[in-house]
Amino acid sequence: MKTIVMMVAIVAAVFGMQSCAAQQQADVDYKNAFLVDVRTPEEVAEGTVDGSVNIPLSELEQRLAEFEGKGQIVVFCRSGSRSGQAKSILEKNGHTNVVNGGTWEQVQAKVAAEKK
């Protein structure tokens, strides 16, 4: 019985986090956000979001000063995994205005939609 209760709690937490993340992404002003591609330079060379800055995940902690004074911060990558890690790192370092934008294609589409 305890196992079932724990599983229900975990599922509820996961779905709650997903809806919270979706709500957080809906509130982003992509035109004015600090857009950060956390992929490697080689990956970025294949395509990225116009106006974004490339700060690879492996360099993030050494480049925290670049995030100071920024409004909303949107981090993104190839799959959303590294950007999730980047979001955690930034939050651990005092940045509460960070959104995991997911993939660079998703962020690119949202930026393009705001330009219309």
PDB file of N, CA and C in Angstrom:
ATOM      1  N   MET A   1       0.816  -1.191   0.000  1.00  0.00           N
ATOM      2  CA  MET A   1       0.000   0.000   0.000  1.00  0.00           C
ATOM      3  C   MET A   1       0.865   1.262   0.000  1.00  0.00           C
ATOM      4  N   LYS A   2       1.934   1.249   0.812  1.00  0.00           N
ATOM      5  CA  LYS A   2       2.830   2.401   0.845  1.00  0.00           C
ATOM      6  C   LYS A   2       3.437   2.660  -0.525  1.00  0.00           C
ATOM      7  N   THR A   3       3.770   1.597  -1.220  1.00  0.00           N
ATOM      8  CA  THR A   3       4.367   1.732  -2.544  1.00  0.00           C
ATOM      9  C   THR A   3       3.409   2.426  -3.506  1.00  0.00           C
ATOM     10  N   ILE A   4       2.155   2.063  -3.472  1.00  0.00           N
ATOM     11  CA  ILE A   4       1.156   2.673  -4.347  1.00  0.00           C
ATOM     12  C   ILE A   4       0.997   4.153  -4.021  1.00  0.00           C
ATOM     13  N   VAL A   5       0.933   4.473  -2.743  1.00  0.00           N
ATOM     14  CA  VAL A   5       0.797   5.869  -2.323  1.00  0.00           C
ATOM     15  C   VAL A   5       2.011   6.677  -2.789  1.00  0.00           C
ATOM     16  N   MET A   6       3.197   6.101  -2.630  1.00  0.00           N
ATOM     17  CA  MET A   6       4.415   6.793  -3.066  1.00  0.00           C
ATOM     18  C   MET A   6       4.409   6.987  -4.571  1.00  0.00           C
ATOM     19  N   MET A   7       3.981   5.978  -5.327  1.00  0.00           N
ATOM     20  CA  MET A   7       3.950   6.085  -6.785  1.00  0.00           C
ATOM     21  C   MET A   7       2.972   7.171  -7.222  1.00  0.00           C
ATOM     22  N   VAL A   8       1.817   7.235  -6.571  1.00  0.00           N
ATOM     23  CA  VAL A   8       0.833   8.274  -6.892  1.00  0.00           C
ATOM     24  C   VAL A   8       1.416   9.646  -6.589  1.00  0.00           C
ATOM     25  N   ALA A   9       2.103   9.780  -5.476  1.00  0.00           N
ATOM     26  CA  ALA A   9       2.709  11.058  -5.109  1.00  0.00           C
ATOM     27  C   ALA A   9       3.777  11.470  -6.121  1.00  0.00           C
ATOM     28  N   ILE A  10       4.568  10.504  -6.565  1.00  0.00           N
ATOM     29  CA  ILE A  10       5.617  10.799  -7.554  1.00  0.00           C
ATOM     30  C   ILE A  10       4.994  11.233  -8.871  1.00  0.00           C
ATOM     31  N   VAL A  11       3.995  10.513  -9.336  1.00  0.00           N
ATOM     32  CA  VAL A  11       3.325  10.866 -10.588  1.00  0.00           C
ATOM     33  C   VAL A  11       2.705  12.255 -10.483  1.00  0.00           C
ATOM     34  N   ALA A  12       2.056  12.532  -9.363  1.00  0.00           N
ATOM     35  CA  ALA A  12       1.441  13.846  -9.168  1.00  0.00           C
ATOM     36  C   ALA A  12       2.501  14.943  -9.179  1.00  0.00           C
ATOM     37  N   ALA A  13       3.636  14.680  -8.549  1.00  0.00           N
ATOM     38  CA  ALA A  13       4.712  15.673  -8.518  1.00  0.00           C
ATOM     39  C   ALA A  13       5.265  15.918  -9.921  1.00  0.00           C
ATOM     40  N   VAL A  14       5.459  14.848 -10.675  1.00  0.00           N
ATOM     41  CA  VAL A  14       5.982  14.991 -12.036  1.00  0.00           C
ATOM     42  C   VAL A  14       5.022  15.794 -12.898  1.00  0.00           C
ATOM     43  N   PHE A  15       3.740  15.458 -12.864  1.00  0.00           N
ATOM     44  CA  PHE A  15       2.768  16.187 -13.672  1.00  0.00           C
ATOM     45  C   PHE A  15       2.624  17.621 -13.175  1.00  0.00           C
ATOM     46  N   GLY A  16       2.720  17.835 -11.900  1.00  0.00           N
ATOM     47  CA  GLY A  16       2.662  19.186 -11.353  1.00  0.00           C
ATOM     48  C   GLY A  16       3.843  20.014 -11.816  1.00  0.00           C
ATOM     49  N   MET A  17       5.040  19.411 -11.850  1.00  0.00           N
ATOM     50  CA  MET A  17       6.221  20.120 -12.312  1.00  0.00           C
ATOM     51  C   MET A  17       6.102  20.431 -13.789  1.00  0.00           C
ATOM     52  N   GLN A  18       5.563  19.502 -14.574  1.00  0.00           N
ATOM     53  CA  GLN A  18       5.429  19.740 -16.000  1.00  0.00           C
ATOM     54  C   GLN A  18       4.466  20.881 -16.270  1.00  0.00           C
ATOM     55  N   SER A  19       3.350  20.913 -15.569  1.00  0.00           N
ATOM     56  CA  SER A  19       2.399  21.993 -15.806  1.00  0.00           C
ATOM     57  C   SER A  19       2.965  23.319 -15.319  1.00  0.00           C
ATOM     58  N   CYS A  20       3.745  23.292 -14.247  1.00  0.00           N
ATOM     59  CA  CYS A  20       4.391  24.499 -13.749  1.00  0.00           C
ATOM     60  C   CYS A  20       5.413  24.991 -14.776  1.00  0.00           C
ATOM     61  N   ALA A  21       6.186  24.070 -15.356  1.00  0.00           N
ATOM     62  CA  ALA A  21       7.166  24.438 -16.373  1.00  0.00           C
ATOM     63  C   ALA A  21       6.479  24.998 -17.604  1.00  0.00           C
ATOM     64  N   ALA A  22       5.361  24.395 -17.992  1.00  0.00           N
ATOM     65  CA  ALA A  22       4.612  24.891 -19.152  1.00  0.00           C
ATOM     66  C   ALA A  22       4.079  26.283 -18.871  1.00  0.00           C
ATOM     67  N   GLN A  23       3.583  26.524 -17.663  1.00  0.00           N
ATOM     68  CA  GLN A  23       3.085  27.845 -17.295  1.00  0.00           C
ATOM     69  C   GLN A  23       4.222  28.845 -17.292  1.00  0.00           C
ATOM     70  N   GLN A  24       5.373  28.438 -16.757  1.00  0.00           N
ATOM     71  CA  GLN A  24       6.523  29.329 -16.696  1.00  0.00           C
ATOM     72  C   GLN A  24       6.956  29.718 -18.105  1.00  0.00           C
ATOM     73  N   GLN A  25       6.979  28.764 -19.046  1.00  0.00           N
ATOM     74  CA  GLN A  25       7.361  29.062 -20.418  1.00  0.00           C
ATOM     75  C   GLN A  25       6.348  29.981 -21.079  1.00  0.00           C
ATOM     76  N   ALA A  26       5.086  29.853 -20.740  1.00  0.00           N
ATOM     77  CA  ALA A  26       4.046  30.692 -21.332  1.00  0.00           C
ATOM     78  C   ALA A  26       4.216  32.152 -20.926  1.00  0.00           C
ATOM     79  N   ASP A  27       4.846  32.410 -19.792  1.00  0.00           N
ATOM     80  CA  ASP A  27       5.016  33.769 -19.277  1.00  0.00           C
ATOM     81  C   ASP A  27       6.290  34.452 -19.770  1.00  0.00           C
ATOM     82  N   VAL A  28       7.052  33.803 -20.635  1.00  0.00           N
ATOM     83  CA  VAL A  28       8.332  34.337 -21.072  1.00  0.00           C
ATOM     84  C   VAL A  28       8.145  35.352 -22.203  1.00  0.00           C
ATOM     85  N   ASP A  29       8.844  36.470 -22.084  1.00  0.00           N
ATOM     86  CA  ASP A  29       8.928  37.469 -23.149  1.00  0.00           C
ATOM     87  C   ASP A  29      10.219  37.157 -23.916  1.00  0.00           C
ATOM     88  N   TYR A  30      10.104  36.306 -24.923  1.00  0.00           N
ATOM     89  CA  TYR A  30      11.286  35.820 -25.633  1.00  0.00           C
ATOM     90  C   TYR A  30      12.050  36.936 -26.341  1.00  0.00           C
ATOM     91  N   LYS A  31      11.378  37.994 -26.744  1.00  0.00           N
ATOM     92  CA  LYS A  31      12.061  39.100 -27.435  1.00  0.00           C
ATOM     93  C   LYS A  31      13.032  39.821 -26.510  1.00  0.00           C
ATOM     94  N   ASN A  32      12.729  39.851 -25.220  1.00  0.00           N
ATOM     95  CA  ASN A  32      13.550  40.595 -24.283  1.00  0.00           C
ATOM     96  C   ASN A  32      14.328  39.721 -23.307  1.00  0.00           C
ATOM     97  N   ALA A  33      14.152  38.420 -23.377  1.00  0.00           N
ATOM     98  CA  ALA A  33      14.851  37.518 -22.465  1.00  0.00           C
ATOM     99  C   ALA A  33      16.316  37.361 -22.891  1.00  0.00           C
ATOM    100  N   PHE A  34      17.147  36.995 -21.931  1.00  0.00           N
ATOM    101  CA  PHE A  34      18.546  36.643 -22.193  1.00  0.00           C
ATOM    102  C   PHE A  34      18.533  35.181 -22.618  1.00  0.00           C
ATOM    103  N   LEU A  35      18.722  34.932 -23.912  1.00  0.00           N
ATOM    104  CA  LEU A  35      18.633  33.593 -24.481  1.00  0.00           C
ATOM    105  C   LEU A  35      20.013  32.960 -24.507  1.00  0.00           C
ATOM    106  N   VAL A  36      20.145  31.798 -23.857  1.00  0.00           N
ATOM    107  CA  VAL A  36      21.449  31.157 -23.722  1.00  0.00           C
ATOM    108  C   VAL A  36      21.398  29.724 -24.238  1.00  0.00           C
ATOM    109  N   ASP A  37      22.188  29.478 -25.268  1.00  0.00           N
ATOM    110  CA  ASP A  37      22.334  28.141 -25.848  1.00  0.00           C
ATOM    111  C   ASP A  37      23.471  27.459 -25.105  1.00  0.00           C
ATOM    112  N   VAL A  38      23.181  26.374 -24.390  1.00  0.00           N
ATOM    113  CA  VAL A  38      24.199  25.720 -23.569  1.00  0.00           C
ATOM    114  C   VAL A  38      24.855  24.526 -24.273  1.00  0.00           C
ATOM    115  N   ARG A  39      24.641  24.431 -25.587  1.00  0.00           N
ATOM    116  CA  ARG A  39      25.294  23.368 -26.352  1.00  0.00           C
ATOM    117  C   ARG A  39      26.749  23.741 -26.643  1.00  0.00           C
ATOM    118  N   THR A  40      27.473  22.793 -27.214  1.00  0.00           N
ATOM    119  CA  THR A  40      28.867  23.045 -27.582  1.00  0.00           C
ATOM    120  C   THR A  40      28.916  23.970 -28.802  1.00  0.00           C
ATOM    121  N   PRO A  41      30.042  24.667 -29.009  1.00  0.00           N
ATOM    122  CA  PRO A  41      30.169  25.521 -30.203  1.00  0.00           C
ATOM    123  C   PRO A  41      29.957  24.741 -31.508  1.00  0.00           C
ATOM    124  N   GLU A  42      30.372  23.486 -31.530  1.00  0.00           N
ATOM    125  CA  GLU A  42      30.183  22.666 -32.727  1.00  0.00           C
ATOM    126  C   GLU A  42      28.702  22.451 -33.017  1.00  0.00           C
ATOM    127  N   GLU A  43      27.914  22.219 -31.974  1.00  0.00           N
ATOM    128  CA  GLU A  43      26.470  22.053 -32.150  1.00  0.00           C
ATOM    129  C   GLU A  43      25.814  23.362 -32.582  1.00  0.00           C
ATOM    130  N   VAL A  44      26.244  24.454 -31.993  1.00  0.00           N
ATOM    131  CA  VAL A  44      25.682  25.763 -32.306  1.00  0.00           C
ATOM    132  C   VAL A  44      25.950  26.119 -33.766  1.00  0.00           C
ATOM    133  N   ALA A  45      27.100  25.697 -34.300  1.00  0.00           N
ATOM    134  CA  ALA A  45      27.441  25.978 -35.695  1.00  0.00           C
ATOM    135  C   ALA A  45      26.422  25.375 -36.659  1.00  0.00           C
ATOM    136  N   GLU A  46      25.691  24.373 -36.220  1.00  0.00           N
ATOM    137  CA  GLU A  46      24.673  23.722 -37.062  1.00  0.00           C
ATOM    138  C   GLU A  46      23.363  24.500 -37.055  1.00  0.00           C
ATOM    139  N   GLY A  47      23.227  25.477 -36.165  1.00  0.00           N
ATOM    140  CA  GLY A  47      22.023  26.289 -36.079  1.00  0.00           C
ATOM    141  C   GLY A  47      21.720  26.651 -34.641  1.00  0.00           C
ATOM    142  N   THR A  48      21.185  27.859 -34.448  1.00  0.00           N
ATOM    143  CA  THR A  48      20.814  28.321 -33.118  1.00  0.00           C
ATOM    144  C   THR A  48      19.759  29.409 -33.245  1.00  0.00           C
ATOM    145  N   VAL A  49      19.391  29.997 -32.150  1.00  0.00           N
ATOM    146  CA  VAL A  49      18.365  31.034 -32.106  1.00  0.00           C
ATOM    147  C   VAL A  49      19.027  32.396 -32.324  1.00  0.00           C
ATOM    148  N   ASP A  50      18.470  33.184 -33.242  1.00  0.00           N
ATOM    149  CA  ASP A  50      18.981  34.530 -33.478  1.00  0.00           C
ATOM    150  C   ASP A  50      18.952  35.331 -32.181  1.00  0.00           C
ATOM    151  N   GLY A  51      20.051  36.009 -31.907  1.00  0.00           N
ATOM    152  CA  GLY A  51      20.125  36.844 -30.715  1.00  0.00           C
ATOM    153  C   GLY A  51      20.541  36.111 -29.456  1.00  0.00           C
ATOM    154  N   SER A  52      20.782  34.820 -29.572  1.00  0.00           N
ATOM    155  CA  SER A  52      21.183  34.056 -28.383  1.00  0.00           C
ATOM    156  C   SER A  52      22.693  34.113 -28.188  1.00  0.00           C
ATOM    157  N   VAL A  53      23.109  33.765 -26.978  1.00  0.00           N
ATOM    158  CA  VAL A  53      24.516  33.714 -26.601  1.00  0.00           C
ATOM    159  C   VAL A  53      24.859  32.249 -26.347  1.00  0.00           C
ATOM    160  N   ASN A  54      26.028  31.841 -26.797  1.00  0.00           N
ATOM    161  CA  ASN A  54      26.466  30.468 -26.550  1.00  0.00           C
ATOM    162  C   ASN A  54      27.352  30.432 -25.314  1.00  0.00           C
ATOM    163  N   ILE A  55      26.848  29.785 -24.265  1.00  0.00           N
ATOM    164  CA  ILE A  55      27.629  29.524 -23.059  1.00  0.00           C
ATOM    165  C   ILE A  55      27.482  28.028 -22.801  1.00  0.00           C
ATOM    166  N   PRO A  56      28.441  27.228 -23.274  1.00  0.00           N
ATOM    167  CA  PRO A  56      28.332  25.781 -23.099  1.00  0.00           C
ATOM    168  C   PRO A  56      28.156  25.396 -21.623  1.00  0.00           C
ATOM    169  N   LEU A  57      27.384  24.351 -21.391  1.00  0.00           N
ATOM    170  CA  LEU A  57      27.142  23.891 -20.028  1.00  0.00           C
ATOM    171  C   LEU A  57      28.455  23.689 -19.272  1.00  0.00           C
ATOM    172  N   SER A  58      29.474  23.167 -19.951  1.00  0.00           N
ATOM    173  CA  SER A  58      30.763  22.906 -19.297  1.00  0.00           C
ATOM    174  C   SER A  58      31.458  24.181 -18.825  1.00  0.00           C
ATOM    175  N   GLU A  59      31.061  25.349 -19.348  1.00  0.00           N
ATOM    176  CA  GLU A  59      31.675  26.625 -18.971  1.00  0.00           C
ATOM    177  C   GLU A  59      30.775  27.478 -18.074  1.00  0.00           C
ATOM    178  N   LEU A  60      29.573  27.010 -17.833  1.00  0.00           N
ATOM    179  CA  LEU A  60      28.558  27.828 -17.181  1.00  0.00           C
ATOM    180  C   LEU A  60      29.007  28.392 -15.834  1.00  0.00           C
ATOM    181  N   GLU A  61      29.533  27.555 -14.981  1.00  0.00           N
ATOM    182  CA  GLU A  61      29.905  28.020 -13.641  1.00  0.00           C
ATOM    183  C   GLU A  61      31.045  29.031 -13.674  1.00  0.00           C
ATOM    184  N   GLN A  62      31.913  28.952 -14.674  1.00  0.00           N
ATOM    185  CA  GLN A  62      33.003  29.918 -14.792  1.00  0.00           C
ATOM    186  C   GLN A  62      32.530  31.234 -15.400  1.00  0.00           C
ATOM    187  N   ARG A  63      31.320  31.247 -15.985  1.00  0.00           N
ATOM    188  CA  ARG A  63      30.834  32.436 -16.679  1.00  0.00           C
ATOM    189  C   ARG A  63      29.566  33.018 -16.035  1.00  0.00           C
ATOM    190  N   LEU A  64      29.385  32.765 -14.760  1.00  0.00           N
ATOM    191  CA  LEU A  64      28.194  33.239 -14.046  1.00  0.00           C
ATOM    192  C   LEU A  64      28.043  34.754 -14.077  1.00  0.00           C
ATOM    193  N   ALA A  65      29.138  35.482 -14.149  1.00  0.00           N
ATOM    194  CA  ALA A  65      29.075  36.944 -14.165  1.00  0.00           C
ATOM    195  C   ALA A  65      28.268  37.456 -15.358  1.00  0.00           C
ATOM    196  N   GLU A  66      28.216  36.701 -16.444  1.00  0.00           N
ATOM    197  CA  GLU A  66      27.479  37.119 -17.634  1.00  0.00           C
ATOM    198  C   GLU A  66      25.965  37.125 -17.419  1.00  0.00           C
ATOM    199  N   PHE A  67      25.516  36.517 -16.338  1.00  0.00           N
ATOM    200  CA  PHE A  67      24.082  36.451 -16.041  1.00  0.00           C
ATOM    201  C   PHE A  67      23.632  37.550 -15.083  1.00  0.00           C
ATOM    202  N   GLU A  68      24.573  38.262 -14.501  1.00  0.00           N
ATOM    203  CA  GLU A  68      24.244  39.310 -13.534  1.00  0.00           C
ATOM    204  C   GLU A  68      23.452  40.419 -14.205  1.00  0.00           C
ATOM    205  N   GLY A  69      22.412  40.862 -13.532  1.00  0.00           N
ATOM    206  CA  GLY A  69      21.616  41.973 -14.012  1.00  0.00           C
ATOM    207  C   GLY A  69      20.668  41.648 -15.157  1.00  0.00           C
ATOM    208  N   LYS A  70      20.572  40.400 -15.513  1.00  0.00           N
ATOM    209  CA  LYS A  70      19.680  40.016 -16.605  1.00  0.00           C
ATOM    210  C   LYS A  70      18.264  39.857 -16.067  1.00  0.00           C
ATOM    211  N   GLY A  71      17.287  40.157 -16.907  1.00  0.00           N
ATOM    212  CA  GLY A  71      15.883  39.934 -16.540  1.00  0.00           C
ATOM    213  C   GLY A  71      15.597  38.451 -16.617  1.00  0.00           C
ATOM    214  N   GLN A  72      14.711  38.087 -17.495  1.00  0.00           N
ATOM    215  CA  GLN A  72      14.421  36.665 -17.675  1.00  0.00           C
ATOM    216  C   GLN A  72      15.571  36.002 -18.422  1.00  0.00           C
ATOM    217  N   ILE A  73      15.881  34.791 -18.012  1.00  0.00           N
ATOM    218  CA  ILE A  73      16.928  34.001 -18.645  1.00  0.00           C
ATOM    219  C   ILE A  73      16.276  32.736 -19.185  1.00  0.00           C
ATOM    220  N   VAL A  74      16.495  32.455 -20.459  1.00  0.00           N
ATOM    221  CA  VAL A  74      15.985  31.226 -21.071  1.00  0.00           C
ATOM    222  C   VAL A  74      17.192  30.419 -21.529  1.00  0.00           C
ATOM    223  N   VAL A  75      17.337  29.232 -20.969  1.00  0.00           N
ATOM    224  CA  VAL A  75      18.417  28.335 -21.371  1.00  0.00           C
ATOM    225  C   VAL A  75      17.825  27.234 -22.246  1.00  0.00           C
ATOM    226  N   PHE A  76      18.593  26.799 -23.234  1.00  0.00           N
ATOM    227  CA  PHE A  76      18.103  25.752 -24.138  1.00  0.00           C
ATOM    228  C   PHE A  76      19.278  24.964 -24.697  1.00  0.00           C
ATOM    229  N   CYS A  77      18.968  23.810 -25.283  1.00  0.00           N
ATOM    230  CA  CYS A  77      20.005  22.938 -25.829  1.00  0.00           C
ATOM    231  C   CYS A  77      19.421  22.077 -26.951  1.00  0.00           C
ATOM    232  N   ARG A  78      19.902  20.854 -27.081  1.00  0.00           N
ATOM    233  CA  ARG A  78      19.414  19.957 -28.135  1.00  0.00           C
ATOM    234  C   ARG A  78      18.154  19.224 -27.716  1.00  0.00           C
ATOM    235  N   SER A  79      18.090  18.794 -26.450  1.00  0.00           N
ATOM    236  CA  SER A  79      16.958  17.968 -26.019  1.00  0.00           C
ATOM    237  C   SER A  79      16.209  18.533 -24.813  1.00  0.00           C
ATOM    238  N   GLY A  80      16.806  19.483 -24.122  1.00  0.00           N
ATOM    239  CA  GLY A  80      16.217  20.014 -22.896  1.00  0.00           C
ATOM    240  C   GLY A  80      16.891  19.489 -21.648  1.00  0.00           C
ATOM    241  N   SER A  81      17.756  18.514 -21.805  1.00  0.00           N
ATOM    242  CA  SER A  81      18.433  17.918 -20.652  1.00  0.00           C
ATOM    243  C   SER A  81      19.526  18.832 -20.096  1.00  0.00           C
ATOM    244  N   ARG A  82      20.437  19.256 -20.949  1.00  0.00           N
ATOM    245  CA  ARG A  82      21.519  20.144 -20.490  1.00  0.00           C
ATOM    246  C   ARG A  82      20.960  21.488 -20.019  1.00  0.00           C
ATOM    247  N   SER A  83      19.909  21.960 -20.677  1.00  0.00           N
ATOM    248  CA  SER A  83      19.323  23.228 -20.233  1.00  0.00           C
ATOM    249  C   SER A  83      18.675  23.062 -18.859  1.00  0.00           C
ATOM    250  N   GLY A  84      18.165  21.874 -18.561  1.00  0.00           N
ATOM    251  CA  GLY A  84      17.655  21.595 -17.222  1.00  0.00           C
ATOM    252  C   GLY A  84      18.768  21.655 -16.186  1.00  0.00           C
ATOM    253  N   GLN A  85      19.923  21.124 -16.549  1.00  0.00           N
ATOM    254  CA  GLN A  85      21.080  21.186 -15.657  1.00  0.00           C
ATOM    255  C   GLN A  85      21.549  22.631 -15.490  1.00  0.00           C
ATOM    256  N   ALA A  86      21.544  23.375 -16.593  1.00  0.00           N
ATOM    257  CA  ALA A  86      21.958  24.783 -16.538  1.00  0.00           C
ATOM    258  C   ALA A  86      21.024  25.576 -15.633  1.00  0.00           C
ATOM    259  N   LYS A  87      19.734  25.328 -15.750  1.00  0.00           N
ATOM    260  CA  LYS A  87      18.745  26.008 -14.906  1.00  0.00           C
ATOM    261  C   LYS A  87      19.049  25.735 -13.434  1.00  0.00           C
ATOM    262  N   SER A  88      19.331  24.489 -13.103  1.00  0.00           N
ATOM    263  CA  SER A  88      19.648  24.132 -11.714  1.00  0.00           C
ATOM    264  C   SER A  88      20.900  24.851 -11.219  1.00  0.00           C
ATOM    265  N   ILE A  89      21.919  24.893 -12.054  1.00  0.00           N
ATOM    266  CA  ILE A  89      23.167  25.563 -11.677  1.00  0.00           C
ATOM    267  C   ILE A  89      22.908  27.049 -11.429  1.00  0.00           C
ATOM    268  N   LEU A  90      22.183  27.670 -12.330  1.00  0.00           N
ATOM    269  CA  LEU A  90      21.902  29.099 -12.180  1.00  0.00           C
ATOM    270  C   LEU A  90      21.067  29.377 -10.938  1.00  0.00           C
ATOM    271  N   GLU A  91      20.078  28.539 -10.680  1.00  0.00           N
ATOM    272  CA  GLU A  91      19.251  28.720  -9.483  1.00  0.00           C
ATOM    273  C   GLU A  91      20.064  28.532  -8.213  1.00  0.00           C
ATOM    274  N   LYS A  92      20.991  27.576  -8.202  1.00  0.00           N
ATOM    275  CA  LYS A  92      21.853  27.365  -7.036  1.00  0.00           C
ATOM    276  C   LYS A  92      22.765  28.562  -6.793  1.00  0.00           C
ATOM    277  N   ASN A  93      22.950  29.366  -7.846  1.00  0.00           N
ATOM    278  CA  ASN A  93      23.804  30.550  -7.734  1.00  0.00           C
ATOM    279  C   ASN A  93      22.994  31.837  -7.661  1.00  0.00           C
ATOM    280  N   GLY A  94      21.727  31.721  -7.248  1.00  0.00           N
ATOM    281  CA  GLY A  94      20.924  32.889  -6.933  1.00  0.00           C
ATOM    282  C   GLY A  94      20.053  33.461  -8.035  1.00  0.00           C
ATOM    283  N   HIS A  95      20.029  32.842  -9.192  1.00  0.00           N
ATOM    284  CA  HIS A  95      19.193  33.345 -10.288  1.00  0.00           C
ATOM    285  C   HIS A  95      17.826  32.664 -10.230  1.00  0.00           C
ATOM    286  N   THR A  96      16.805  33.437  -9.916  1.00  0.00           N
ATOM    287  CA  THR A  96      15.452  32.876  -9.766  1.00  0.00           C
ATOM    288  C   THR A  96      14.589  33.080 -11.001  1.00  0.00           C
ATOM    289  N   ASN A  97      15.120  33.745 -11.984  1.00  0.00           N
ATOM    290  CA  ASN A  97      14.365  34.107 -13.180  1.00  0.00           C
ATOM    291  C   ASN A  97      14.756  33.267 -14.395  1.00  0.00           C
ATOM    292  N   VAL A  98      14.999  31.977 -14.189  1.00  0.00           N
ATOM    293  CA  VAL A  98      15.508  31.095 -15.237  1.00  0.00           C
ATOM    294  C   VAL A  98      14.421  30.143 -15.712  1.00  0.00           C
ATOM    295  N   VAL A  99      14.319  30.011 -17.030  1.00  0.00           N
ATOM    296  CA  VAL A  99      13.360  29.094 -17.644  1.00  0.00           C
ATOM    297  C   VAL A  99      14.124  28.108 -18.516  1.00  0.00           C
ATOM    298  N   ASN A 100      13.796  26.834 -18.388  1.00  0.00           N
ATOM    299  CA  ASN A 100      14.324  25.826 -19.300  1.00  0.00           C
ATOM    300  C   ASN A 100      13.455  25.880 -20.549  1.00  0.00           C
ATOM    301  N   GLY A 101      13.989  26.444 -21.615  1.00  0.00           N
ATOM    302  CA  GLY A 101      13.236  26.587 -22.859  1.00  0.00           C
ATOM    303  C   GLY A 101      13.114  25.310 -23.657  1.00  0.00           C
ATOM    304  N   GLY A 102      13.845  24.275 -23.255  1.00  0.00           N
ATOM    305  CA  GLY A 102      13.789  23.007 -23.999  1.00  0.00           C
ATOM    306  C   GLY A 102      14.804  23.005 -25.122  1.00  0.00           C
ATOM    307  N   THR A 103      14.344  22.621 -26.316  1.00  0.00           N
ATOM    308  CA  THR A 103      15.253  22.529 -27.456  1.00  0.00           C
ATOM    309  C   THR A 103      15.435  23.886 -28.119  1.00  0.00           C
ATOM    310  N   TRP A 104      16.520  24.018 -28.860  1.00  0.00           N
ATOM    311  CA  TRP A 104      16.759  25.286 -29.543  1.00  0.00           C
ATOM    312  C   TRP A 104      15.697  25.531 -30.603  1.00  0.00           C
ATOM    313  N   GLU A 105      15.161  24.463 -31.181  1.00  0.00           N
ATOM    314  CA  GLU A 105      14.105  24.627 -32.179  1.00  0.00           C
ATOM    315  C   GLU A 105      12.820  25.167 -31.546  1.00  0.00           C
ATOM    316  N   GLN A 106      12.515  24.701 -30.333  1.00  0.00           N
ATOM    317  CA  GLN A 106      11.327  25.196 -29.633  1.00  0.00           C
ATOM    318  C   GLN A 106      11.464  26.684 -29.315  1.00  0.00           C
ATOM    319  N   VAL A 107      12.630  27.078 -28.848  1.00  0.00           N
ATOM    320  CA  VAL A 107      12.859  28.481 -28.527  1.00  0.00           C
ATOM    321  C   VAL A 107      12.837  29.313 -29.806  1.00  0.00           C
ATOM    322  N   GLN A 108      13.447  28.815 -30.855  1.00  0.00           N
ATOM    323  CA  GLN A 108      13.453  29.521 -32.136  1.00  0.00           C
ATOM    324  C   GLN A 108      12.015  29.777 -32.626  1.00  0.00           C
ATOM    325  N   ALA A 109      11.160  28.776 -32.498  1.00  0.00           N
ATOM    326  CA  ALA A 109       9.759  28.918 -32.918  1.00  0.00           C
ATOM    327  C   ALA A 109       9.042  29.967 -32.078  1.00  0.00           C
ATOM    328  N   LYS A 110       9.306  29.997 -30.781  1.00  0.00           N
ATOM    329  CA  LYS A 110       8.651  30.971 -29.904  1.00  0.00           C
ATOM    330  C   LYS A 110       9.137  32.389 -30.184  1.00  0.00           C
ATOM    331  N   VAL A 111      10.424  32.535 -30.462  1.00  0.00           N
ATOM    332  CA  VAL A 111      10.972  33.853 -30.812  1.00  0.00           C
ATOM    333  C   VAL A 111      10.330  34.321 -32.121  1.00  0.00           C
ATOM    334  N   ALA A 112      10.255  33.438 -33.100  1.00  0.00           N
ATOM    335  CA  ALA A 112       9.654  33.779 -34.395  1.00  0.00           C
ATOM    336  C   ALA A 112       8.180  34.153 -34.239  1.00  0.00           C
ATOM    337  N   ALA A 113       7.461  33.439 -33.392  1.00  0.00           N
ATOM    338  CA  ALA A 113       6.037  33.715 -33.176  1.00  0.00           C
ATOM    339  C   ALA A 113       5.836  35.090 -32.544  1.00  0.00           C
ATOM    340  N   GLU A 114       6.747  35.516 -31.682  1.00  0.00           N
ATOM    341  CA  GLU A 114       6.625  36.826 -31.047  1.00  0.00           C
ATOM    342  C   GLU A 114       6.932  37.962 -32.025  1.00  0.00           C
ATOM    343  N   LYS A 115       7.677  37.660 -33.076  1.00  0.00           N
ATOM    344  CA  LYS A 115       8.018  38.691 -34.061  1.00  0.00           C
ATOM    345  C   LYS A 115       6.843  38.997 -34.990  1.00  0.00           C
ATOM    346  N   LYS A 116       5.875  38.101 -35.043  1.00  0.00           N
ATOM    347  CA  LYS A 116       4.737  38.290 -35.950  1.00  0.00           C
ATOM    348  C   LYS A 116       3.800  39.352 -35.461  1.00  0.00           C
TER     349      LYS A 116
END
